[in-house]
Amino acid sequence: MRAVAPRSYTAAEVDAAVARLADPERFAHASDVVTHAAPSLARVLDEALDQGGWFGAAHEDLLRKAAGREDPDERLTAVGSLVAEQTRIGMLVGVAVGFELAHELAEADRTAEGRDETE
């Protein structure tokens, strides 16, 4: 297991890492881990979205407006747009949660090995 040191990443580093993720075999272990942790991760994601204001009155208003369109084609378009936006937001928050999870796991490794961040 590789430890991930908390740090900032350049756009070029992120672009290169995303390009390496194109290999489906890279996801086999990650998929197993995420499947195991899905219920806990869903709670963390829900809390992050709630704290970020993505749920609540504004969300309910957008949902009501989308579902309440009289024209079926407009309603379908509005609901589809809302779902797409929610998916993007969920993905972005999920990636942030993933970064923090990686940092927590790395910190646990350092602690288990008797090291701290200054070493």
Protein backbone atom coordinates (compact mmCIF):
# COMPACT_ATOMS: atom_id res chain seq x y z
CA MET A 1 0.00 0.00 0.00
CA ARG A 2 1.31 3.44 -0.91
CA ALA A 3 0.91 6.34 1.49
CA VAL A 4 -0.49 9.56 0.06
CA ALA A 5 1.08 12.64 1.56
CA PRO A 6 -1.26 15.60 2.06
CA ARG A 7 -0.23 18.22 -0.46
CA SER A 8 -1.51 20.35 -3.30
CA TYR A 9 -1.44 19.03 -6.85
CA THR A 10 -0.77 20.92 -10.06
CA ALA A 11 -3.25 20.79 -12.93
CA ALA A 12 -0.68 18.86 -14.98
CA GLU A 13 -0.27 16.24 -12.22
CA VAL A 14 -4.04 15.80 -11.96
CA ASP A 15 -4.40 15.57 -15.76
CA ALA A 16 -1.68 12.89 -15.93
CA ALA A 17 -3.23 10.91 -13.07
CA VAL A 18 -6.68 11.05 -14.67
CA ALA A 19 -5.19 9.81 -17.95
CA ARG A 20 -3.62 6.83 -16.11
CA LEU A 21 -7.04 5.97 -14.68
CA ALA A 22 -8.27 5.01 -18.15
CA ASP A 23 -7.03 1.45 -17.49
CA PRO A 24 -10.08 -0.49 -16.16
CA GLU A 25 -7.86 -2.91 -14.22
CA ARG A 26 -6.82 0.00 -12.00
CA PHE A 27 -10.34 0.07 -10.59
CA ALA A 28 -10.65 -3.58 -9.52
CA HIS A 29 -9.32 -3.10 -5.98
CA ALA A 30 -10.85 0.37 -5.64
CA SER A 31 -14.22 -1.02 -6.66
CA ASP A 32 -14.00 -3.71 -3.97
CA VAL A 33 -13.05 -1.17 -1.32
CA VAL A 34 -15.78 1.30 -2.32
CA THR A 35 -18.41 -1.45 -2.41
CA HIS A 36 -17.46 -2.37 1.14
CA ALA A 37 -17.47 1.24 2.32
CA ALA A 38 -20.46 2.44 0.27
CA PRO A 39 -22.95 2.85 3.15
CA SER A 40 -20.49 4.86 5.23
CA LEU A 41 -19.32 6.88 2.25
CA ALA A 42 -22.94 7.65 1.30
CA ARG A 43 -23.51 9.10 4.77
CA VAL A 44 -20.37 11.25 4.48
CA LEU A 45 -21.41 12.42 1.01
CA ASP A 46 -24.97 13.22 2.16
CA GLU A 47 -23.61 15.22 5.09
CA ALA A 48 -21.16 17.12 2.87
CA LEU A 49 -23.91 17.94 0.37
CA ASP A 50 -26.23 19.01 3.17
CA GLN A 51 -23.59 21.23 4.78
CA GLY A 52 -22.77 22.70 1.38
CA GLY A 53 -26.36 23.78 0.94
CA TRP A 54 -27.09 21.40 -1.93
CA PHE A 55 -30.08 19.97 -0.08
CA GLY A 56 -32.70 22.11 1.55
CA ALA A 57 -35.05 24.85 0.42
CA ALA A 58 -33.19 25.83 -2.76
CA HIS A 59 -32.96 22.21 -3.89
CA GLU A 60 -36.63 21.58 -3.11
CA ASP A 61 -37.60 24.71 -5.07
CA LEU A 62 -35.62 23.56 -8.14
CA LEU A 63 -37.17 20.10 -7.88
CA ARG A 64 -40.68 21.54 -7.63
CA LYS A 65 -40.12 23.83 -10.62
CA ALA A 66 -38.71 21.01 -12.74
CA ALA A 67 -41.44 18.51 -11.86
CA GLY A 68 -44.19 21.12 -12.14
CA ARG A 69 -43.65 22.04 -15.79
CA GLU A 70 -46.90 21.59 -17.67
CA ASP A 71 -45.35 20.63 -21.00
CA PRO A 72 -44.07 17.02 -20.79
CA ASP A 73 -41.05 17.76 -22.99
CA GLU A 74 -40.08 20.82 -20.91
CA ARG A 75 -40.60 18.81 -17.71
CA LEU A 76 -38.38 16.00 -19.00
CA THR A 77 -35.68 18.49 -20.02
CA ALA A 78 -35.86 20.32 -16.66
CA VAL A 79 -35.74 17.10 -14.62
CA GLY A 80 -32.90 15.77 -16.79
CA SER A 81 -30.93 18.99 -16.26
CA LEU A 82 -31.51 18.82 -12.52
CA VAL A 83 -30.38 15.19 -12.37
CA ALA A 84 -27.27 15.99 -14.43
CA GLU A 85 -26.37 18.92 -12.18
CA GLN A 86 -26.88 16.83 -9.05
CA THR A 87 -24.71 14.10 -10.53
CA ARG A 88 -21.90 16.59 -11.25
CA ILE A 89 -22.12 18.07 -7.77
CA GLY A 90 -22.19 14.62 -6.18
CA MET A 91 -19.19 13.56 -8.23
CA LEU A 92 -17.18 16.65 -7.29
CA VAL A 93 -17.99 16.32 -3.60
CA GLY A 94 -17.30 12.57 -3.85
CA VAL A 95 -13.86 13.25 -5.31
CA ALA A 96 -13.13 15.66 -2.46
CA VAL A 97 -14.24 13.00 0.04
CA GLY A 98 -11.99 10.50 -1.78
CA PHE A 99 -8.98 12.79 -1.47
CA GLU A 100 -9.60 13.20 2.23
CA LEU A 101 -10.13 9.45 2.67
CA ALA A 102 -6.75 8.82 1.01
CA HIS A 103 -5.13 11.33 3.37
CA GLU A 104 -6.78 9.71 6.39
CA LEU A 105 -5.57 6.27 5.31
CA ALA A 106 -2.06 7.62 4.75
CA GLU A 107 -2.09 9.26 8.17
CA ALA A 108 -3.21 5.99 9.76
CA ASP A 109 -0.28 4.24 8.04
CA ARG A 110 2.18 6.85 9.32
CA THR A 111 0.76 6.57 12.84
CA ALA A 112 0.90 2.77 12.75
CA GLU A 113 4.52 2.94 11.66
CA GLY A 114 5.34 5.33 14.50
CA ARG A 115 6.05 8.24 12.21
CA ASP A 116 4.51 11.68 12.07
CA GLU A 117 4.12 14.16 9.23
CA THR A 118 7.44 15.87 9.97
CA GLU A 119 9.51 12.80 9.18
